[in-house]
C-alpha atoms as a PDB file:
ATOM      1  CA  MET A   1      16.435  63.682 -93.637  1.00  0.00           C
ATOM      2  CA  THR A   2      18.374  60.275 -93.823  1.00  0.00           C
ATOM      3  CA  ARG A   3      18.658  57.838 -91.103  1.00  0.00           C
ATOM      4  CA  GLU A   4      22.159  58.651 -90.272  1.00  0.00           C
ATOM      5  CA  ASP A   5      20.869  62.290 -89.741  1.00  0.00           C
ATOM      6  CA  THR A   6      18.060  61.104 -87.416  1.00  0.00           C
ATOM      7  CA  ARG A   7      20.405  59.141 -85.192  1.00  0.00           C
ATOM      8  CA  GLY A   8      23.021  61.788 -85.006  1.00  0.00           C
ATOM      9  CA  ALA A   9      26.843  61.881 -85.823  1.00  0.00           C
ATOM     10  CA  ILE A  10      29.143  59.428 -83.918  1.00  0.00           C
ATOM     11  CA  LEU A  11      31.003  61.177 -81.462  1.00  0.00           C
ATOM     12  CA  TRP A  12      34.520  59.365 -82.243  1.00  0.00           C
ATOM     13  CA  GLY A  13      36.436  61.145 -79.427  1.00  0.00           C
ATOM     14  CA  ARG A  14      33.859  59.597 -76.795  1.00  0.00           C
ATOM     15  CA  VAL A  15      33.786  56.404 -78.452  1.00  0.00           C
ATOM     16  CA  ILE A  16      37.536  55.921 -78.796  1.00  0.00           C
ATOM     17  CA  ALA A  17      38.092  57.078 -75.352  1.00  0.00           C
ATOM     18  CA  ALA A  18      35.663  54.537 -73.992  1.00  0.00           C
ATOM     19  CA  VAL A  19      36.934  51.852 -76.081  1.00  0.00           C
ATOM     20  CA  LEU A  20      40.624  52.474 -74.682  1.00  0.00           C
ATOM     21  CA  VAL A  21      39.370  52.497 -71.210  1.00  0.00           C
ATOM     22  CA  VAL A  22      37.525  49.209 -71.490  1.00  0.00           C
ATOM     23  CA  ALA A  23      40.435  47.480 -73.325  1.00  0.00           C
ATOM     24  CA  LEU A  24      42.621  48.464 -70.504  1.00  0.00           C
ATOM     25  CA  ALA A  25      40.161  47.320 -67.889  1.00  0.00           C
ATOM     26  CA  VAL A  26      39.512  43.972 -69.678  1.00  0.00           C
ATOM     27  CA  GLY A  27      43.320  43.370 -70.205  1.00  0.00           C
ATOM     28  CA  VAL A  28      44.134  44.138 -66.558  1.00  0.00           C
ATOM     29  CA  CYS A  29      41.159  41.762 -65.414  1.00  0.00           C
ATOM     30  CA  GLY A  30      42.111  39.025 -67.982  1.00  0.00           C
ATOM     31  CA  ALA A  31      45.734  39.275 -66.824  1.00  0.00           C
ATOM     32  CA  LEU A  32      44.993  39.153 -63.072  1.00  0.00           C
ATOM     33  CA  GLY A  33      42.391  36.242 -63.618  1.00  0.00           C
ATOM     34  CA  TRP A  34      44.890  34.018 -65.528  1.00  0.00           C
ATOM     35  CA  TRP A  35      47.563  34.848 -62.712  1.00  0.00           C
ATOM     36  CA  GLN A  36      45.078  33.592 -60.084  1.00  0.00           C
ATOM     37  CA  TRP A  37      44.224  30.511 -62.328  1.00  0.00           C
ATOM     38  CA  THR A  38      47.814  29.753 -62.861  1.00  0.00           C
ATOM     39  CA  ARG A  39      48.443  30.112 -58.994  1.00  0.00           C
ATOM     40  CA  ALA A  40      45.452  27.743 -58.321  1.00  0.00           C
ATOM     41  CA  SER A  41      47.026  25.177 -60.305  1.00  0.00           C
ATOM     42  CA  THR A  42      50.536  25.544 -58.934  1.00  0.00           C
ATOM     43  CA  THR A  43      49.593  25.842 -55.292  1.00  0.00           C
ATOM     44  CA  GLY A  44      47.199  23.104 -55.345  1.00  0.00           C
ATOM     45  CA  ARG A  45      47.506  20.268 -52.518  1.00  0.00           C
ATOM     46  CA  THR A  46      49.184  17.127 -53.357  1.00  0.00           C
ATOM     47  CA  VAL A  47      47.167  14.208 -52.415  1.00  0.00           C
ATOM     48  CA  LEU A  48      48.873  10.806 -51.919  1.00  0.00           C
ATOM     49  CA  PRO A  49      46.844   7.597 -52.726  1.00  0.00           C
ATOM     50  CA  ASP A  50      44.922   6.155 -50.018  1.00  0.00           C
ATOM     51  CA  PRO A  51      47.045   3.334 -48.206  1.00  0.00           C
ATOM     52  CA  ALA A  52      46.641  -0.049 -49.444  1.00  0.00           C
ATOM     53  CA  VAL A  53      43.685  -2.252 -47.622  1.00  0.00           C
ATOM     54  CA  ALA A  54      42.540  -5.815 -48.223  1.00  0.00           C
ATOM     55  CA  LEU A  55      40.539  -6.058 -51.414  1.00  0.00           C
ATOM     56  CA  ALA A  56      37.626  -7.385 -49.640  1.00  0.00           C
ATOM     57  CA  GLU A  57      37.292  -3.984 -47.902  1.00  0.00           C
ATOM     58  CA  VAL A  58      36.453  -2.239 -51.243  1.00  0.00           C
ATOM     59  CA  LEU A  59      35.275  -4.627 -53.795  1.00  0.00           C
ATOM     60  CA  GLU A  60      33.460  -7.954 -53.857  1.00  0.00           C
ATOM     61  CA  PRO A  61      33.141 -10.343 -56.683  1.00  0.00           C
ATOM     62  CA  ALA A  62      30.306  -9.409 -59.542  1.00  0.00           C
ATOM     63  CA  GLN A  63      29.958  -5.953 -57.681  1.00  0.00           C
ATOM     64  CA  ALA A  64      30.217  -2.631 -59.649  1.00  0.00           C
ATOM     65  CA  ALA A  65      33.586  -1.259 -59.023  1.00  0.00           C
ATOM     66  CA  GLY A  66      32.496   2.377 -58.610  1.00  0.00           C
ATOM     67  CA  VAL A  67      34.517   4.251 -56.075  1.00  0.00           C
ATOM     68  CA  ALA A  68      36.873   1.165 -55.705  1.00  0.00           C
ATOM     69  CA  ILE A  69      38.500   2.242 -59.126  1.00  0.00           C
ATOM     70  CA  GLY A  70      41.957   3.964 -58.190  1.00  0.00           C
ATOM     71  CA  ARG A  71      42.063   2.153 -54.490  1.00  0.00           C
ATOM     72  CA  GLN A  72      45.418   0.533 -53.703  1.00  0.00           C
ATOM     73  CA  VAL A  73      44.467  -3.127 -52.409  1.00  0.00           C
ATOM     74  CA  THR A  74      46.315  -6.049 -51.144  1.00  0.00           C
ATOM     75  CA  VAL A  75      45.437  -9.791 -52.059  1.00  0.00           C
ATOM     76  CA  THR A  76      46.654 -13.376 -51.631  1.00  0.00           C
ATOM     77  CA  GLY A  77      45.465 -15.961 -53.958  1.00  0.00           C
ATOM     78  CA  THR A  78      46.824 -18.656 -56.398  1.00  0.00           C
ATOM     79  CA  TRP A  79      47.395 -18.404 -60.150  1.00  0.00           C
ATOM     80  CA  ALA A  80      44.601 -20.118 -61.989  1.00  0.00           C
ATOM     81  CA  ASP A  81      45.289 -22.959 -64.414  1.00  0.00           C
ATOM     82  CA  GLN A  82      44.086 -20.657 -67.181  1.00  0.00           C
ATOM     83  CA  ASP A  83      45.782 -19.412 -70.117  1.00  0.00           C
ATOM     84  CA  ALA A  84      46.762 -15.685 -69.665  1.00  0.00           C
ATOM     85  CA  ALA A  85      45.823 -12.902 -71.751  1.00  0.00           C
ATOM     86  CA  VAL A  86      48.372 -11.051 -73.806  1.00  0.00           C
ATOM     87  CA  VAL A  87      47.016  -7.442 -74.620  1.00  0.00           C
ATOM     88  CA  THR A  88      48.275  -6.164 -77.846  1.00  0.00           C
ATOM     89  CA  GLY A  89      48.436  -2.468 -79.250  1.00  0.00           C
ATOM     90  CA  ARG A  90      49.635  -0.791 -76.140  1.00  0.00           C
ATOM     91  CA  GLU A  91      52.314   1.844 -75.648  1.00  0.00           C
ATOM     92  CA  VAL A  92      54.552   2.374 -72.536  1.00  0.00           C
ATOM     93  CA  ASP A  93      57.358   5.267 -72.194  1.00  0.00           C
ATOM     94  CA  GLY A  94      56.691   5.371 -76.222  1.00  0.00           C
ATOM     95  CA  VAL A  95      57.460   1.905 -76.616  1.00  0.00           C
ATOM     96  CA  ALA A  96      55.000  -0.334 -78.481  1.00  0.00           C
ATOM     97  CA  ALA A  97      54.099  -2.843 -75.824  1.00  0.00           C
ATOM     98  CA  GLU A  98      51.964  -5.897 -74.911  1.00  0.00           C
ATOM     99  CA  MET A  99      50.320  -6.437 -71.471  1.00  0.00           C
ATOM    100  CA  LEU A 100      50.161  -9.939 -69.661  1.00  0.00           C
ATOM    101  CA  VAL A 101      46.933 -10.442 -67.690  1.00  0.00           C
ATOM    102  CA  ARG A 102      46.546 -13.505 -65.603  1.00  0.00           C
ATOM    103  CA  ALA A 103      43.789 -15.065 -63.703  1.00  0.00           C
ATOM    104  CA  LEU A 104      44.281 -14.983 -59.714  1.00  0.00           C
ATOM    105  CA  THR A 105      42.245 -17.247 -57.806  1.00  0.00           C
ATOM    106  CA  VAL A 106      41.140 -15.543 -54.537  1.00  0.00           C
ATOM    107  CA  PRO A 107      40.271 -17.883 -51.848  1.00  0.00           C
ATOM    108  CA  ALA A 108      36.687 -17.864 -50.373  1.00  0.00           C
ATOM    109  CA  ALA A 109      38.292 -16.583 -46.834  1.00  0.00           C
ATOM    110  CA  GLU A 110      39.373 -13.404 -48.695  1.00  0.00           C
ATOM    111  CA  THR A 111      36.469 -12.542 -51.096  1.00  0.00           C
ATOM    112  CA  GLY A 112      34.039 -11.447 -48.333  1.00  0.00           C
ATOM    113  CA  THR A 113      31.278 -13.667 -50.101  1.00  0.00           C
ATOM    114  CA  GLY A 114      32.143 -17.113 -48.727  1.00  0.00           C
ATOM    115  CA  GLU A 115      33.150 -18.342 -52.204  1.00  0.00           C
ATOM    116  CA  GLU A 116      36.530 -18.167 -54.237  1.00  0.00           C
ATOM    117  CA  ALA A 117      36.436 -15.853 -57.137  1.00  0.00           C
ATOM    118  CA  THR A 118      38.591 -14.806 -60.085  1.00  0.00           C
ATOM    119  CA  LEU A 119      40.614 -11.484 -60.308  1.00  0.00           C
ATOM    120  CA  ALA A 120      42.102 -10.194 -63.449  1.00  0.00           C
ATOM    121  CA  VAL A 121      45.625  -9.188 -62.630  1.00  0.00           C
ATOM    122  CA  VAL A 122      47.759  -6.952 -65.080  1.00  0.00           C
ATOM    123  CA  VAL A 123      51.021  -8.311 -64.115  1.00  0.00           C
ATOM    124  CA  GLY A 124      53.212  -6.201 -66.453  1.00  0.00           C
ATOM    125  CA  TRP A 125      54.611  -5.291 -69.776  1.00  0.00           C
ATOM    126  CA  ARG A 126      57.092  -6.081 -72.592  1.00  0.00           C
ATOM    127  CA  PRO A 127      58.028  -4.578 -75.774  1.00  0.00           C
ATOM    128  CA  GLU A 128      55.878  -5.682 -78.614  1.00  0.00           C
ATOM    129  CA  GLY A 129      57.240  -8.597 -80.577  1.00  0.00           C
ATOM    130  CA  ASP A 130      58.891 -10.172 -77.544  1.00  0.00           C
ATOM    131  CA  VAL A 131      56.984 -13.402 -77.232  1.00  0.00           C
ATOM    132  CA  ALA A 132      56.983 -14.619 -73.578  1.00  0.00           C
ATOM    133  CA  GLY A 133      54.420 -16.300 -71.357  1.00  0.00           C
ATOM    134  CA  PRO A 134      53.861 -16.305 -67.609  1.00  0.00           C
ATOM    135  CA  ASP A 135      56.909 -17.029 -65.121  1.00  0.00           C
ATOM    136  CA  ASP A 136      54.998 -18.422 -62.272  1.00  0.00           C
ATOM    137  CA  ALA A 137      53.468 -21.827 -62.703  1.00  0.00           C
ATOM    138  CA  PRO A 138      49.636 -22.461 -62.214  1.00  0.00           C
ATOM    139  CA  GLY A 139      48.760 -23.028 -58.557  1.00  0.00           C
ATOM    140  CA  THR A 140      51.648 -20.810 -57.233  1.00  0.00           C
ATOM    141  CA  GLU A 141      50.503 -18.811 -54.399  1.00  0.00           C
ATOM    142  CA  VAL A 142      51.190 -15.064 -54.430  1.00  0.00           C
ATOM    143  CA  ALA A 143      50.812 -12.110 -52.381  1.00  0.00           C
ATOM    144  CA  LEU A 144      50.179  -8.925 -54.278  1.00  0.00           C
ATOM    145  CA  GLU A 145      49.795  -5.174 -53.911  1.00  0.00           C
ATOM    146  CA  GLY A 146      48.521  -2.816 -56.639  1.00  0.00           C
ATOM    147  CA  TYR A 147      45.689  -0.596 -57.483  1.00  0.00           C
ATOM    148  CA  LEU A 148      42.259  -1.305 -59.046  1.00  0.00           C
ATOM    149  CA  ARG A 149      41.447   0.069 -62.586  1.00  0.00           C
ATOM    150  CA  ALA A 150      38.464  -0.164 -64.699  1.00  0.00           C
ATOM    151  CA  PRO A 151      37.835  -2.755 -67.437  1.00  0.00           C
ATOM    152  CA  GLU A 152      38.011  -1.559 -71.194  1.00  0.00           C
ATOM    153  CA  ALA A 153      35.520  -2.032 -73.475  1.00  0.00           C
ATOM    154  CA  SER A 154      35.597  -5.157 -75.939  1.00  0.00           C
ATOM    155  CA  THR A 155      36.897  -4.124 -79.374  1.00  0.00           C
ATOM    156  CA  ALA A 156      37.325  -5.697 -82.609  1.00  0.00           C
ATOM    157  CA  SER A 157      40.964  -4.883 -83.198  1.00  0.00           C
ATOM    158  CA  SER A 158      43.052  -7.342 -85.333  1.00  0.00           C
ATOM    159  CA  LEU A 159      45.418  -9.590 -83.368  1.00  0.00           C
ATOM    160  CA  PRO A 160      48.915 -10.727 -84.253  1.00  0.00           C
ATOM    161  CA  GLN A 161      49.016 -13.552 -86.968  1.00  0.00           C
ATOM    162  CA  GLU A 162      52.016 -15.421 -85.050  1.00  0.00           C
ATOM    163  CA  ASP A 163      51.165 -17.936 -82.437  1.00  0.00           C
ATOM    164  CA  PRO A 164      51.045 -16.687 -78.887  1.00  0.00           C
ATOM    165  CA  ALA A 165      53.434 -17.815 -76.188  1.00  0.00           C
ATOM    166  CA  ASP A 166      52.476 -21.297 -74.313  1.00  0.00           C
ATOM    167  CA  GLY A 167      49.893 -20.802 -71.774  1.00  0.00           C
ATOM    168  CA  THR A 168      48.616 -17.681 -73.388  1.00  0.00           C
ATOM    169  CA  PHE A 169      46.019 -16.207 -76.149  1.00  0.00           C
ATOM    170  CA  TRP A 170      45.910 -13.045 -77.668  1.00  0.00           C
ATOM    171  CA  ALA A 171      43.422 -10.104 -76.738  1.00  0.00           C
ATOM    172  CA  SER A 172      42.905  -6.638 -77.841  1.00  0.00           C
ATOM    173  CA  ALA A 173      41.638  -5.151 -74.740  1.00  0.00           C
ATOM    174  CA  MET A 174      41.693  -5.560 -70.913  1.00  0.00           C
ATOM    175  CA  ALA A 175      37.810  -6.418 -70.981  1.00  0.00           C
ATOM    176  CA  THR A 176      36.453  -8.433 -68.065  1.00  0.00           C
ATOM    177  CA  SER A 177      33.325  -9.244 -70.301  1.00  0.00           C
ATOM    178  CA  GLU A 178      35.840 -11.117 -72.671  1.00  0.00           C
ATOM    179  CA  LEU A 179      37.956 -12.579 -69.730  1.00  0.00           C
ATOM    180  CA  ALA A 180      34.829 -13.902 -68.276  1.00  0.00           C
ATOM    181  CA  GLN A 181      33.953 -16.179 -71.108  1.00  0.00           C
ATOM    182  CA  VAL A 182      37.303 -18.191 -70.628  1.00  0.00           C
ATOM    183  CA  TRP A 183      37.940 -17.749 -66.856  1.00  0.00           C
ATOM    184  CA  PRO A 184      35.778 -19.230 -64.075  1.00  0.00           C
ATOM    185  CA  ALA A 185      33.076 -17.450 -62.574  1.00  0.00           C
ATOM    186  CA  PRO A 186      32.436 -15.305 -60.279  1.00  0.00           C
ATOM    187  CA  MET A 187      34.722 -12.591 -61.661  1.00  0.00           C
ATOM    188  CA  TYR A 188      35.706  -9.217 -60.132  1.00  0.00           C
ATOM    189  CA  SER A 189      34.610  -6.183 -62.159  1.00  0.00           C
ATOM    190  CA  ALA A 190      37.953  -4.622 -61.874  1.00  0.00           C
ATOM    191  CA  LEU A 191      41.369  -5.537 -62.683  1.00  0.00           C
ATOM    192  CA  LEU A 192      44.364  -5.271 -60.376  1.00  0.00           C
ATOM    193  CA  VAL A 193      47.670  -3.538 -61.768  1.00  0.00           C
ATOM    194  CA  SER A 194      50.286  -5.288 -59.668  1.00  0.00           C
ATOM    195  CA  TYR A 195      53.190  -3.339 -58.458  1.00  0.00           C
ATOM    196  CA  HIS A 196      55.394  -6.546 -58.492  1.00  0.00           C
ATOM    197  CA  GLY A 197      55.791  -7.642 -62.091  1.00  0.00           C
ATOM    198  CA  SER A 198      57.760 -10.680 -62.948  1.00  0.00           C
ATOM    199  CA  GLU A 199      61.013 -12.017 -64.350  1.00  0.00           C
ATOM    200  CA  SER A 200      59.963 -11.486 -67.952  1.00  0.00           C
ATOM    201  CA  TRP A 201      57.323  -8.712 -67.535  1.00  0.00           C
ATOM    202  CA  THR A 202      58.073  -5.271 -66.058  1.00  0.00           C
ATOM    203  CA  ALA A 203      55.418  -3.839 -63.824  1.00  0.00           C
ATOM    204  CA  LEU A 204      53.604  -0.716 -64.576  1.00  0.00           C
ATOM    205  CA  GLU A 205      54.237   2.483 -62.579  1.00  0.00           C
ATOM    206  CA  PRO A 206      52.471   2.641 -59.180  1.00  0.00           C
ATOM    207  CA  LEU A 207      49.453   4.916 -58.767  1.00  0.00           C
ATOM    208  CA  PRO A 208      50.929   8.632 -58.798  1.00  0.00           C
ATOM    209  CA  PRO A 209      49.598  11.423 -56.278  1.00  0.00           C
ATOM    210  CA  THR A 210      47.084  13.696 -57.639  1.00  0.00           C
ATOM    211  CA  THR A 211      46.890  17.469 -57.353  1.00  0.00           C
ATOM    212  CA  GLU A 212      43.814  19.027 -56.027  1.00  0.00           C
ATOM    213  CA  ILE A 213      43.241  22.852 -57.361  1.00  0.00           C
ATOM    214  CA  ASN A 214      43.475  25.866 -54.939  1.00  0.00           C
ATOM    215  CA  PHE A 215      39.731  26.641 -54.955  1.00  0.00           C
ATOM    216  CA  ARG A 216      40.122  29.914 -53.524  1.00  0.00           C
ATOM    217  CA  SER A 217      42.481  31.085 -56.094  1.00  0.00           C
ATOM    218  CA  ALA A 218      40.407  29.520 -58.743  1.00  0.00           C
ATOM    219  CA  ALA A 219      37.421  31.581 -57.464  1.00  0.00           C
ATOM    220  CA  TYR A 220      39.308  34.738 -57.639  1.00  0.00           C
ATOM    221  CA  ALA A 221      40.145  34.156 -61.059  1.00  0.00           C
ATOM    222  CA  ILE A 222      36.576  33.649 -62.096  1.00  0.00           C
ATOM    223  CA  GLU A 223      35.814  36.912 -60.333  1.00  0.00           C
ATOM    224  CA  TRP A 224      38.337  39.034 -62.157  1.00  0.00           C
ATOM    225  CA  TRP A 225      37.122  37.414 -65.597  1.00  0.00           C
ATOM    226  CA  LEU A 226      33.485  38.446 -64.431  1.00  0.00           C
ATOM    227  CA  PHE A 227      34.672  41.880 -63.751  1.00  0.00           C
ATOM    228  CA  GLY A 228      36.320  42.181 -67.183  1.00  0.00           C
ATOM    229  CA  GLY A 229      32.986  41.038 -68.821  1.00  0.00           C
ATOM    230  CA  PHE A 230      30.882  43.277 -66.792  1.00  0.00           C
ATOM    231  CA  ALA A 231      33.053  46.259 -67.732  1.00  0.00           C
ATOM    232  CA  LEU A 232      32.853  45.258 -71.271  1.00  0.00           C
ATOM    233  CA  PHE A 233      28.891  45.147 -71.169  1.00  0.00           C
ATOM    234  CA  ILE A 234      28.738  48.731 -69.441  1.00  0.00           C
ATOM    235  CA  THR A 235      31.031  50.247 -71.962  1.00  0.00           C
ATOM    236  CA  VAL A 236      28.798  48.821 -74.905  1.00  0.00           C
ATOM    237  CA  ARG A 237      25.685  50.106 -73.184  1.00  0.00           C
ATOM    238  CA  TRP A 238      27.252  53.501 -72.543  1.00  0.00           C
ATOM    239  CA  ILE A 239      28.690  53.827 -76.038  1.00  0.00           C
ATOM    240  CA  ARG A 240      25.199  52.969 -77.521  1.00  0.00           C
ATOM    241  CA  ASP A 241      23.623  55.594 -75.277  1.00  0.00           C
ATOM    242  CA  ASN A 242      26.245  58.495 -75.451  1.00  0.00           C
ATOM    243  CA  GLY A 243      28.507  57.664 -78.667  1.00  0.00           C
ATOM    244  CA  ARG A 244      26.228  59.955 -81.021  1.00  0.00           C
ATOM    245  CA  ALA A 245      25.340  63.649 -80.892  1.00  0.00           C
ATOM    246  CA  ARG A 246      21.886  64.332 -80.111  1.00  0.00           C
ATOM    247  CA  PRO A 247      19.962  65.311 -83.535  1.00  0.00           C
ATOM    248  CA  GLU A 248      18.586  68.924 -83.630  1.00  0.00           C
ATOM    249  CA  THR A 249      14.948  68.980 -83.490  1.00  0.00           C
ATOM    250  CA  PRO A 250      12.649  71.636 -84.633  1.00  0.00           C
ATOM    251  CA  ASP A 251      11.910  72.705 -80.748  1.00  0.00           C
ATOM    252  CA  ASP A 252      15.652  73.024 -80.515  1.00  0.00           C
ATOM    253  CA  ALA A 253      16.031  75.265 -83.626  1.00  0.00           C
ATOM    254  CA  GLN A 254      12.954  77.323 -82.574  1.00  0.00           C
ATOM    255  CA  ALA A 255      14.478  77.768 -79.035  1.00  0.00           C
ATOM    256  CA  THR A 256      18.038  78.711 -80.456  1.00  0.00           C
ATOM    257  CA  GLY A 257      16.370  81.402 -82.841  1.00  0.00           C
ATOM    258  CA  GLU A 258      14.456  82.761 -79.887  1.00  0.00           C
ATOM    259  CA  ASP A 259      17.592  82.947 -77.846  1.00  0.00           C
ATOM    260  CA  HIS A 260      19.394  84.948 -80.703  1.00  0.00           C
ATOM    261  CA  ALA A 261      16.168  87.403 -81.350  1.00  0.00           C
END
């Protein structure tokens, strides 16, 4: 007797019926789960950025930025008498761009530490190749509003061969670790993206609102997918246990003979 004979013949009618039923169940559960997941994304709550607060309320010089990243802040200071960084290799709205990052001297009364500090400020951007320097002279007092962003990692990218504009130097990243080597300490660990721009430099877009997912709909979506997975598991087990005819044993044959005696 072969192994196939021992296991019994496949009952294709049962198997096909079970496969059709589970395919329908999994399809319905998957579709309902996807609908709930889409609804979770489209009905989420729109959250506006927190109102701007004084820089000292969320971050001090040389302090890890942490949760301060993304906060809107205001700060008053003077442009330091230091060369500004022109960061190359950027893209804004599909346009190859350069960013101007300046050193802002924050007075001791506004740092929260009792000593003045240096804040890196992303003033704005220009199309790549349009060489320009800062518009405001060093020592100019400014009141800025913007949001804090994390510094970038230092890179070894190639820099333009042409000379930078007066009062600037080329940089490949907005890295406070590099800026700290040429600007006065102490420095803030985050950069301020200014909303103001200047005559020659266009301000970047303000911090956009965020959308929180609808967690109830997301939970329903996961439940539907779990139901579909459970239905598939149960069907596989049922086919394994009931998808073959029971092989006839000697006892079955003897019993059948006795019935016909």
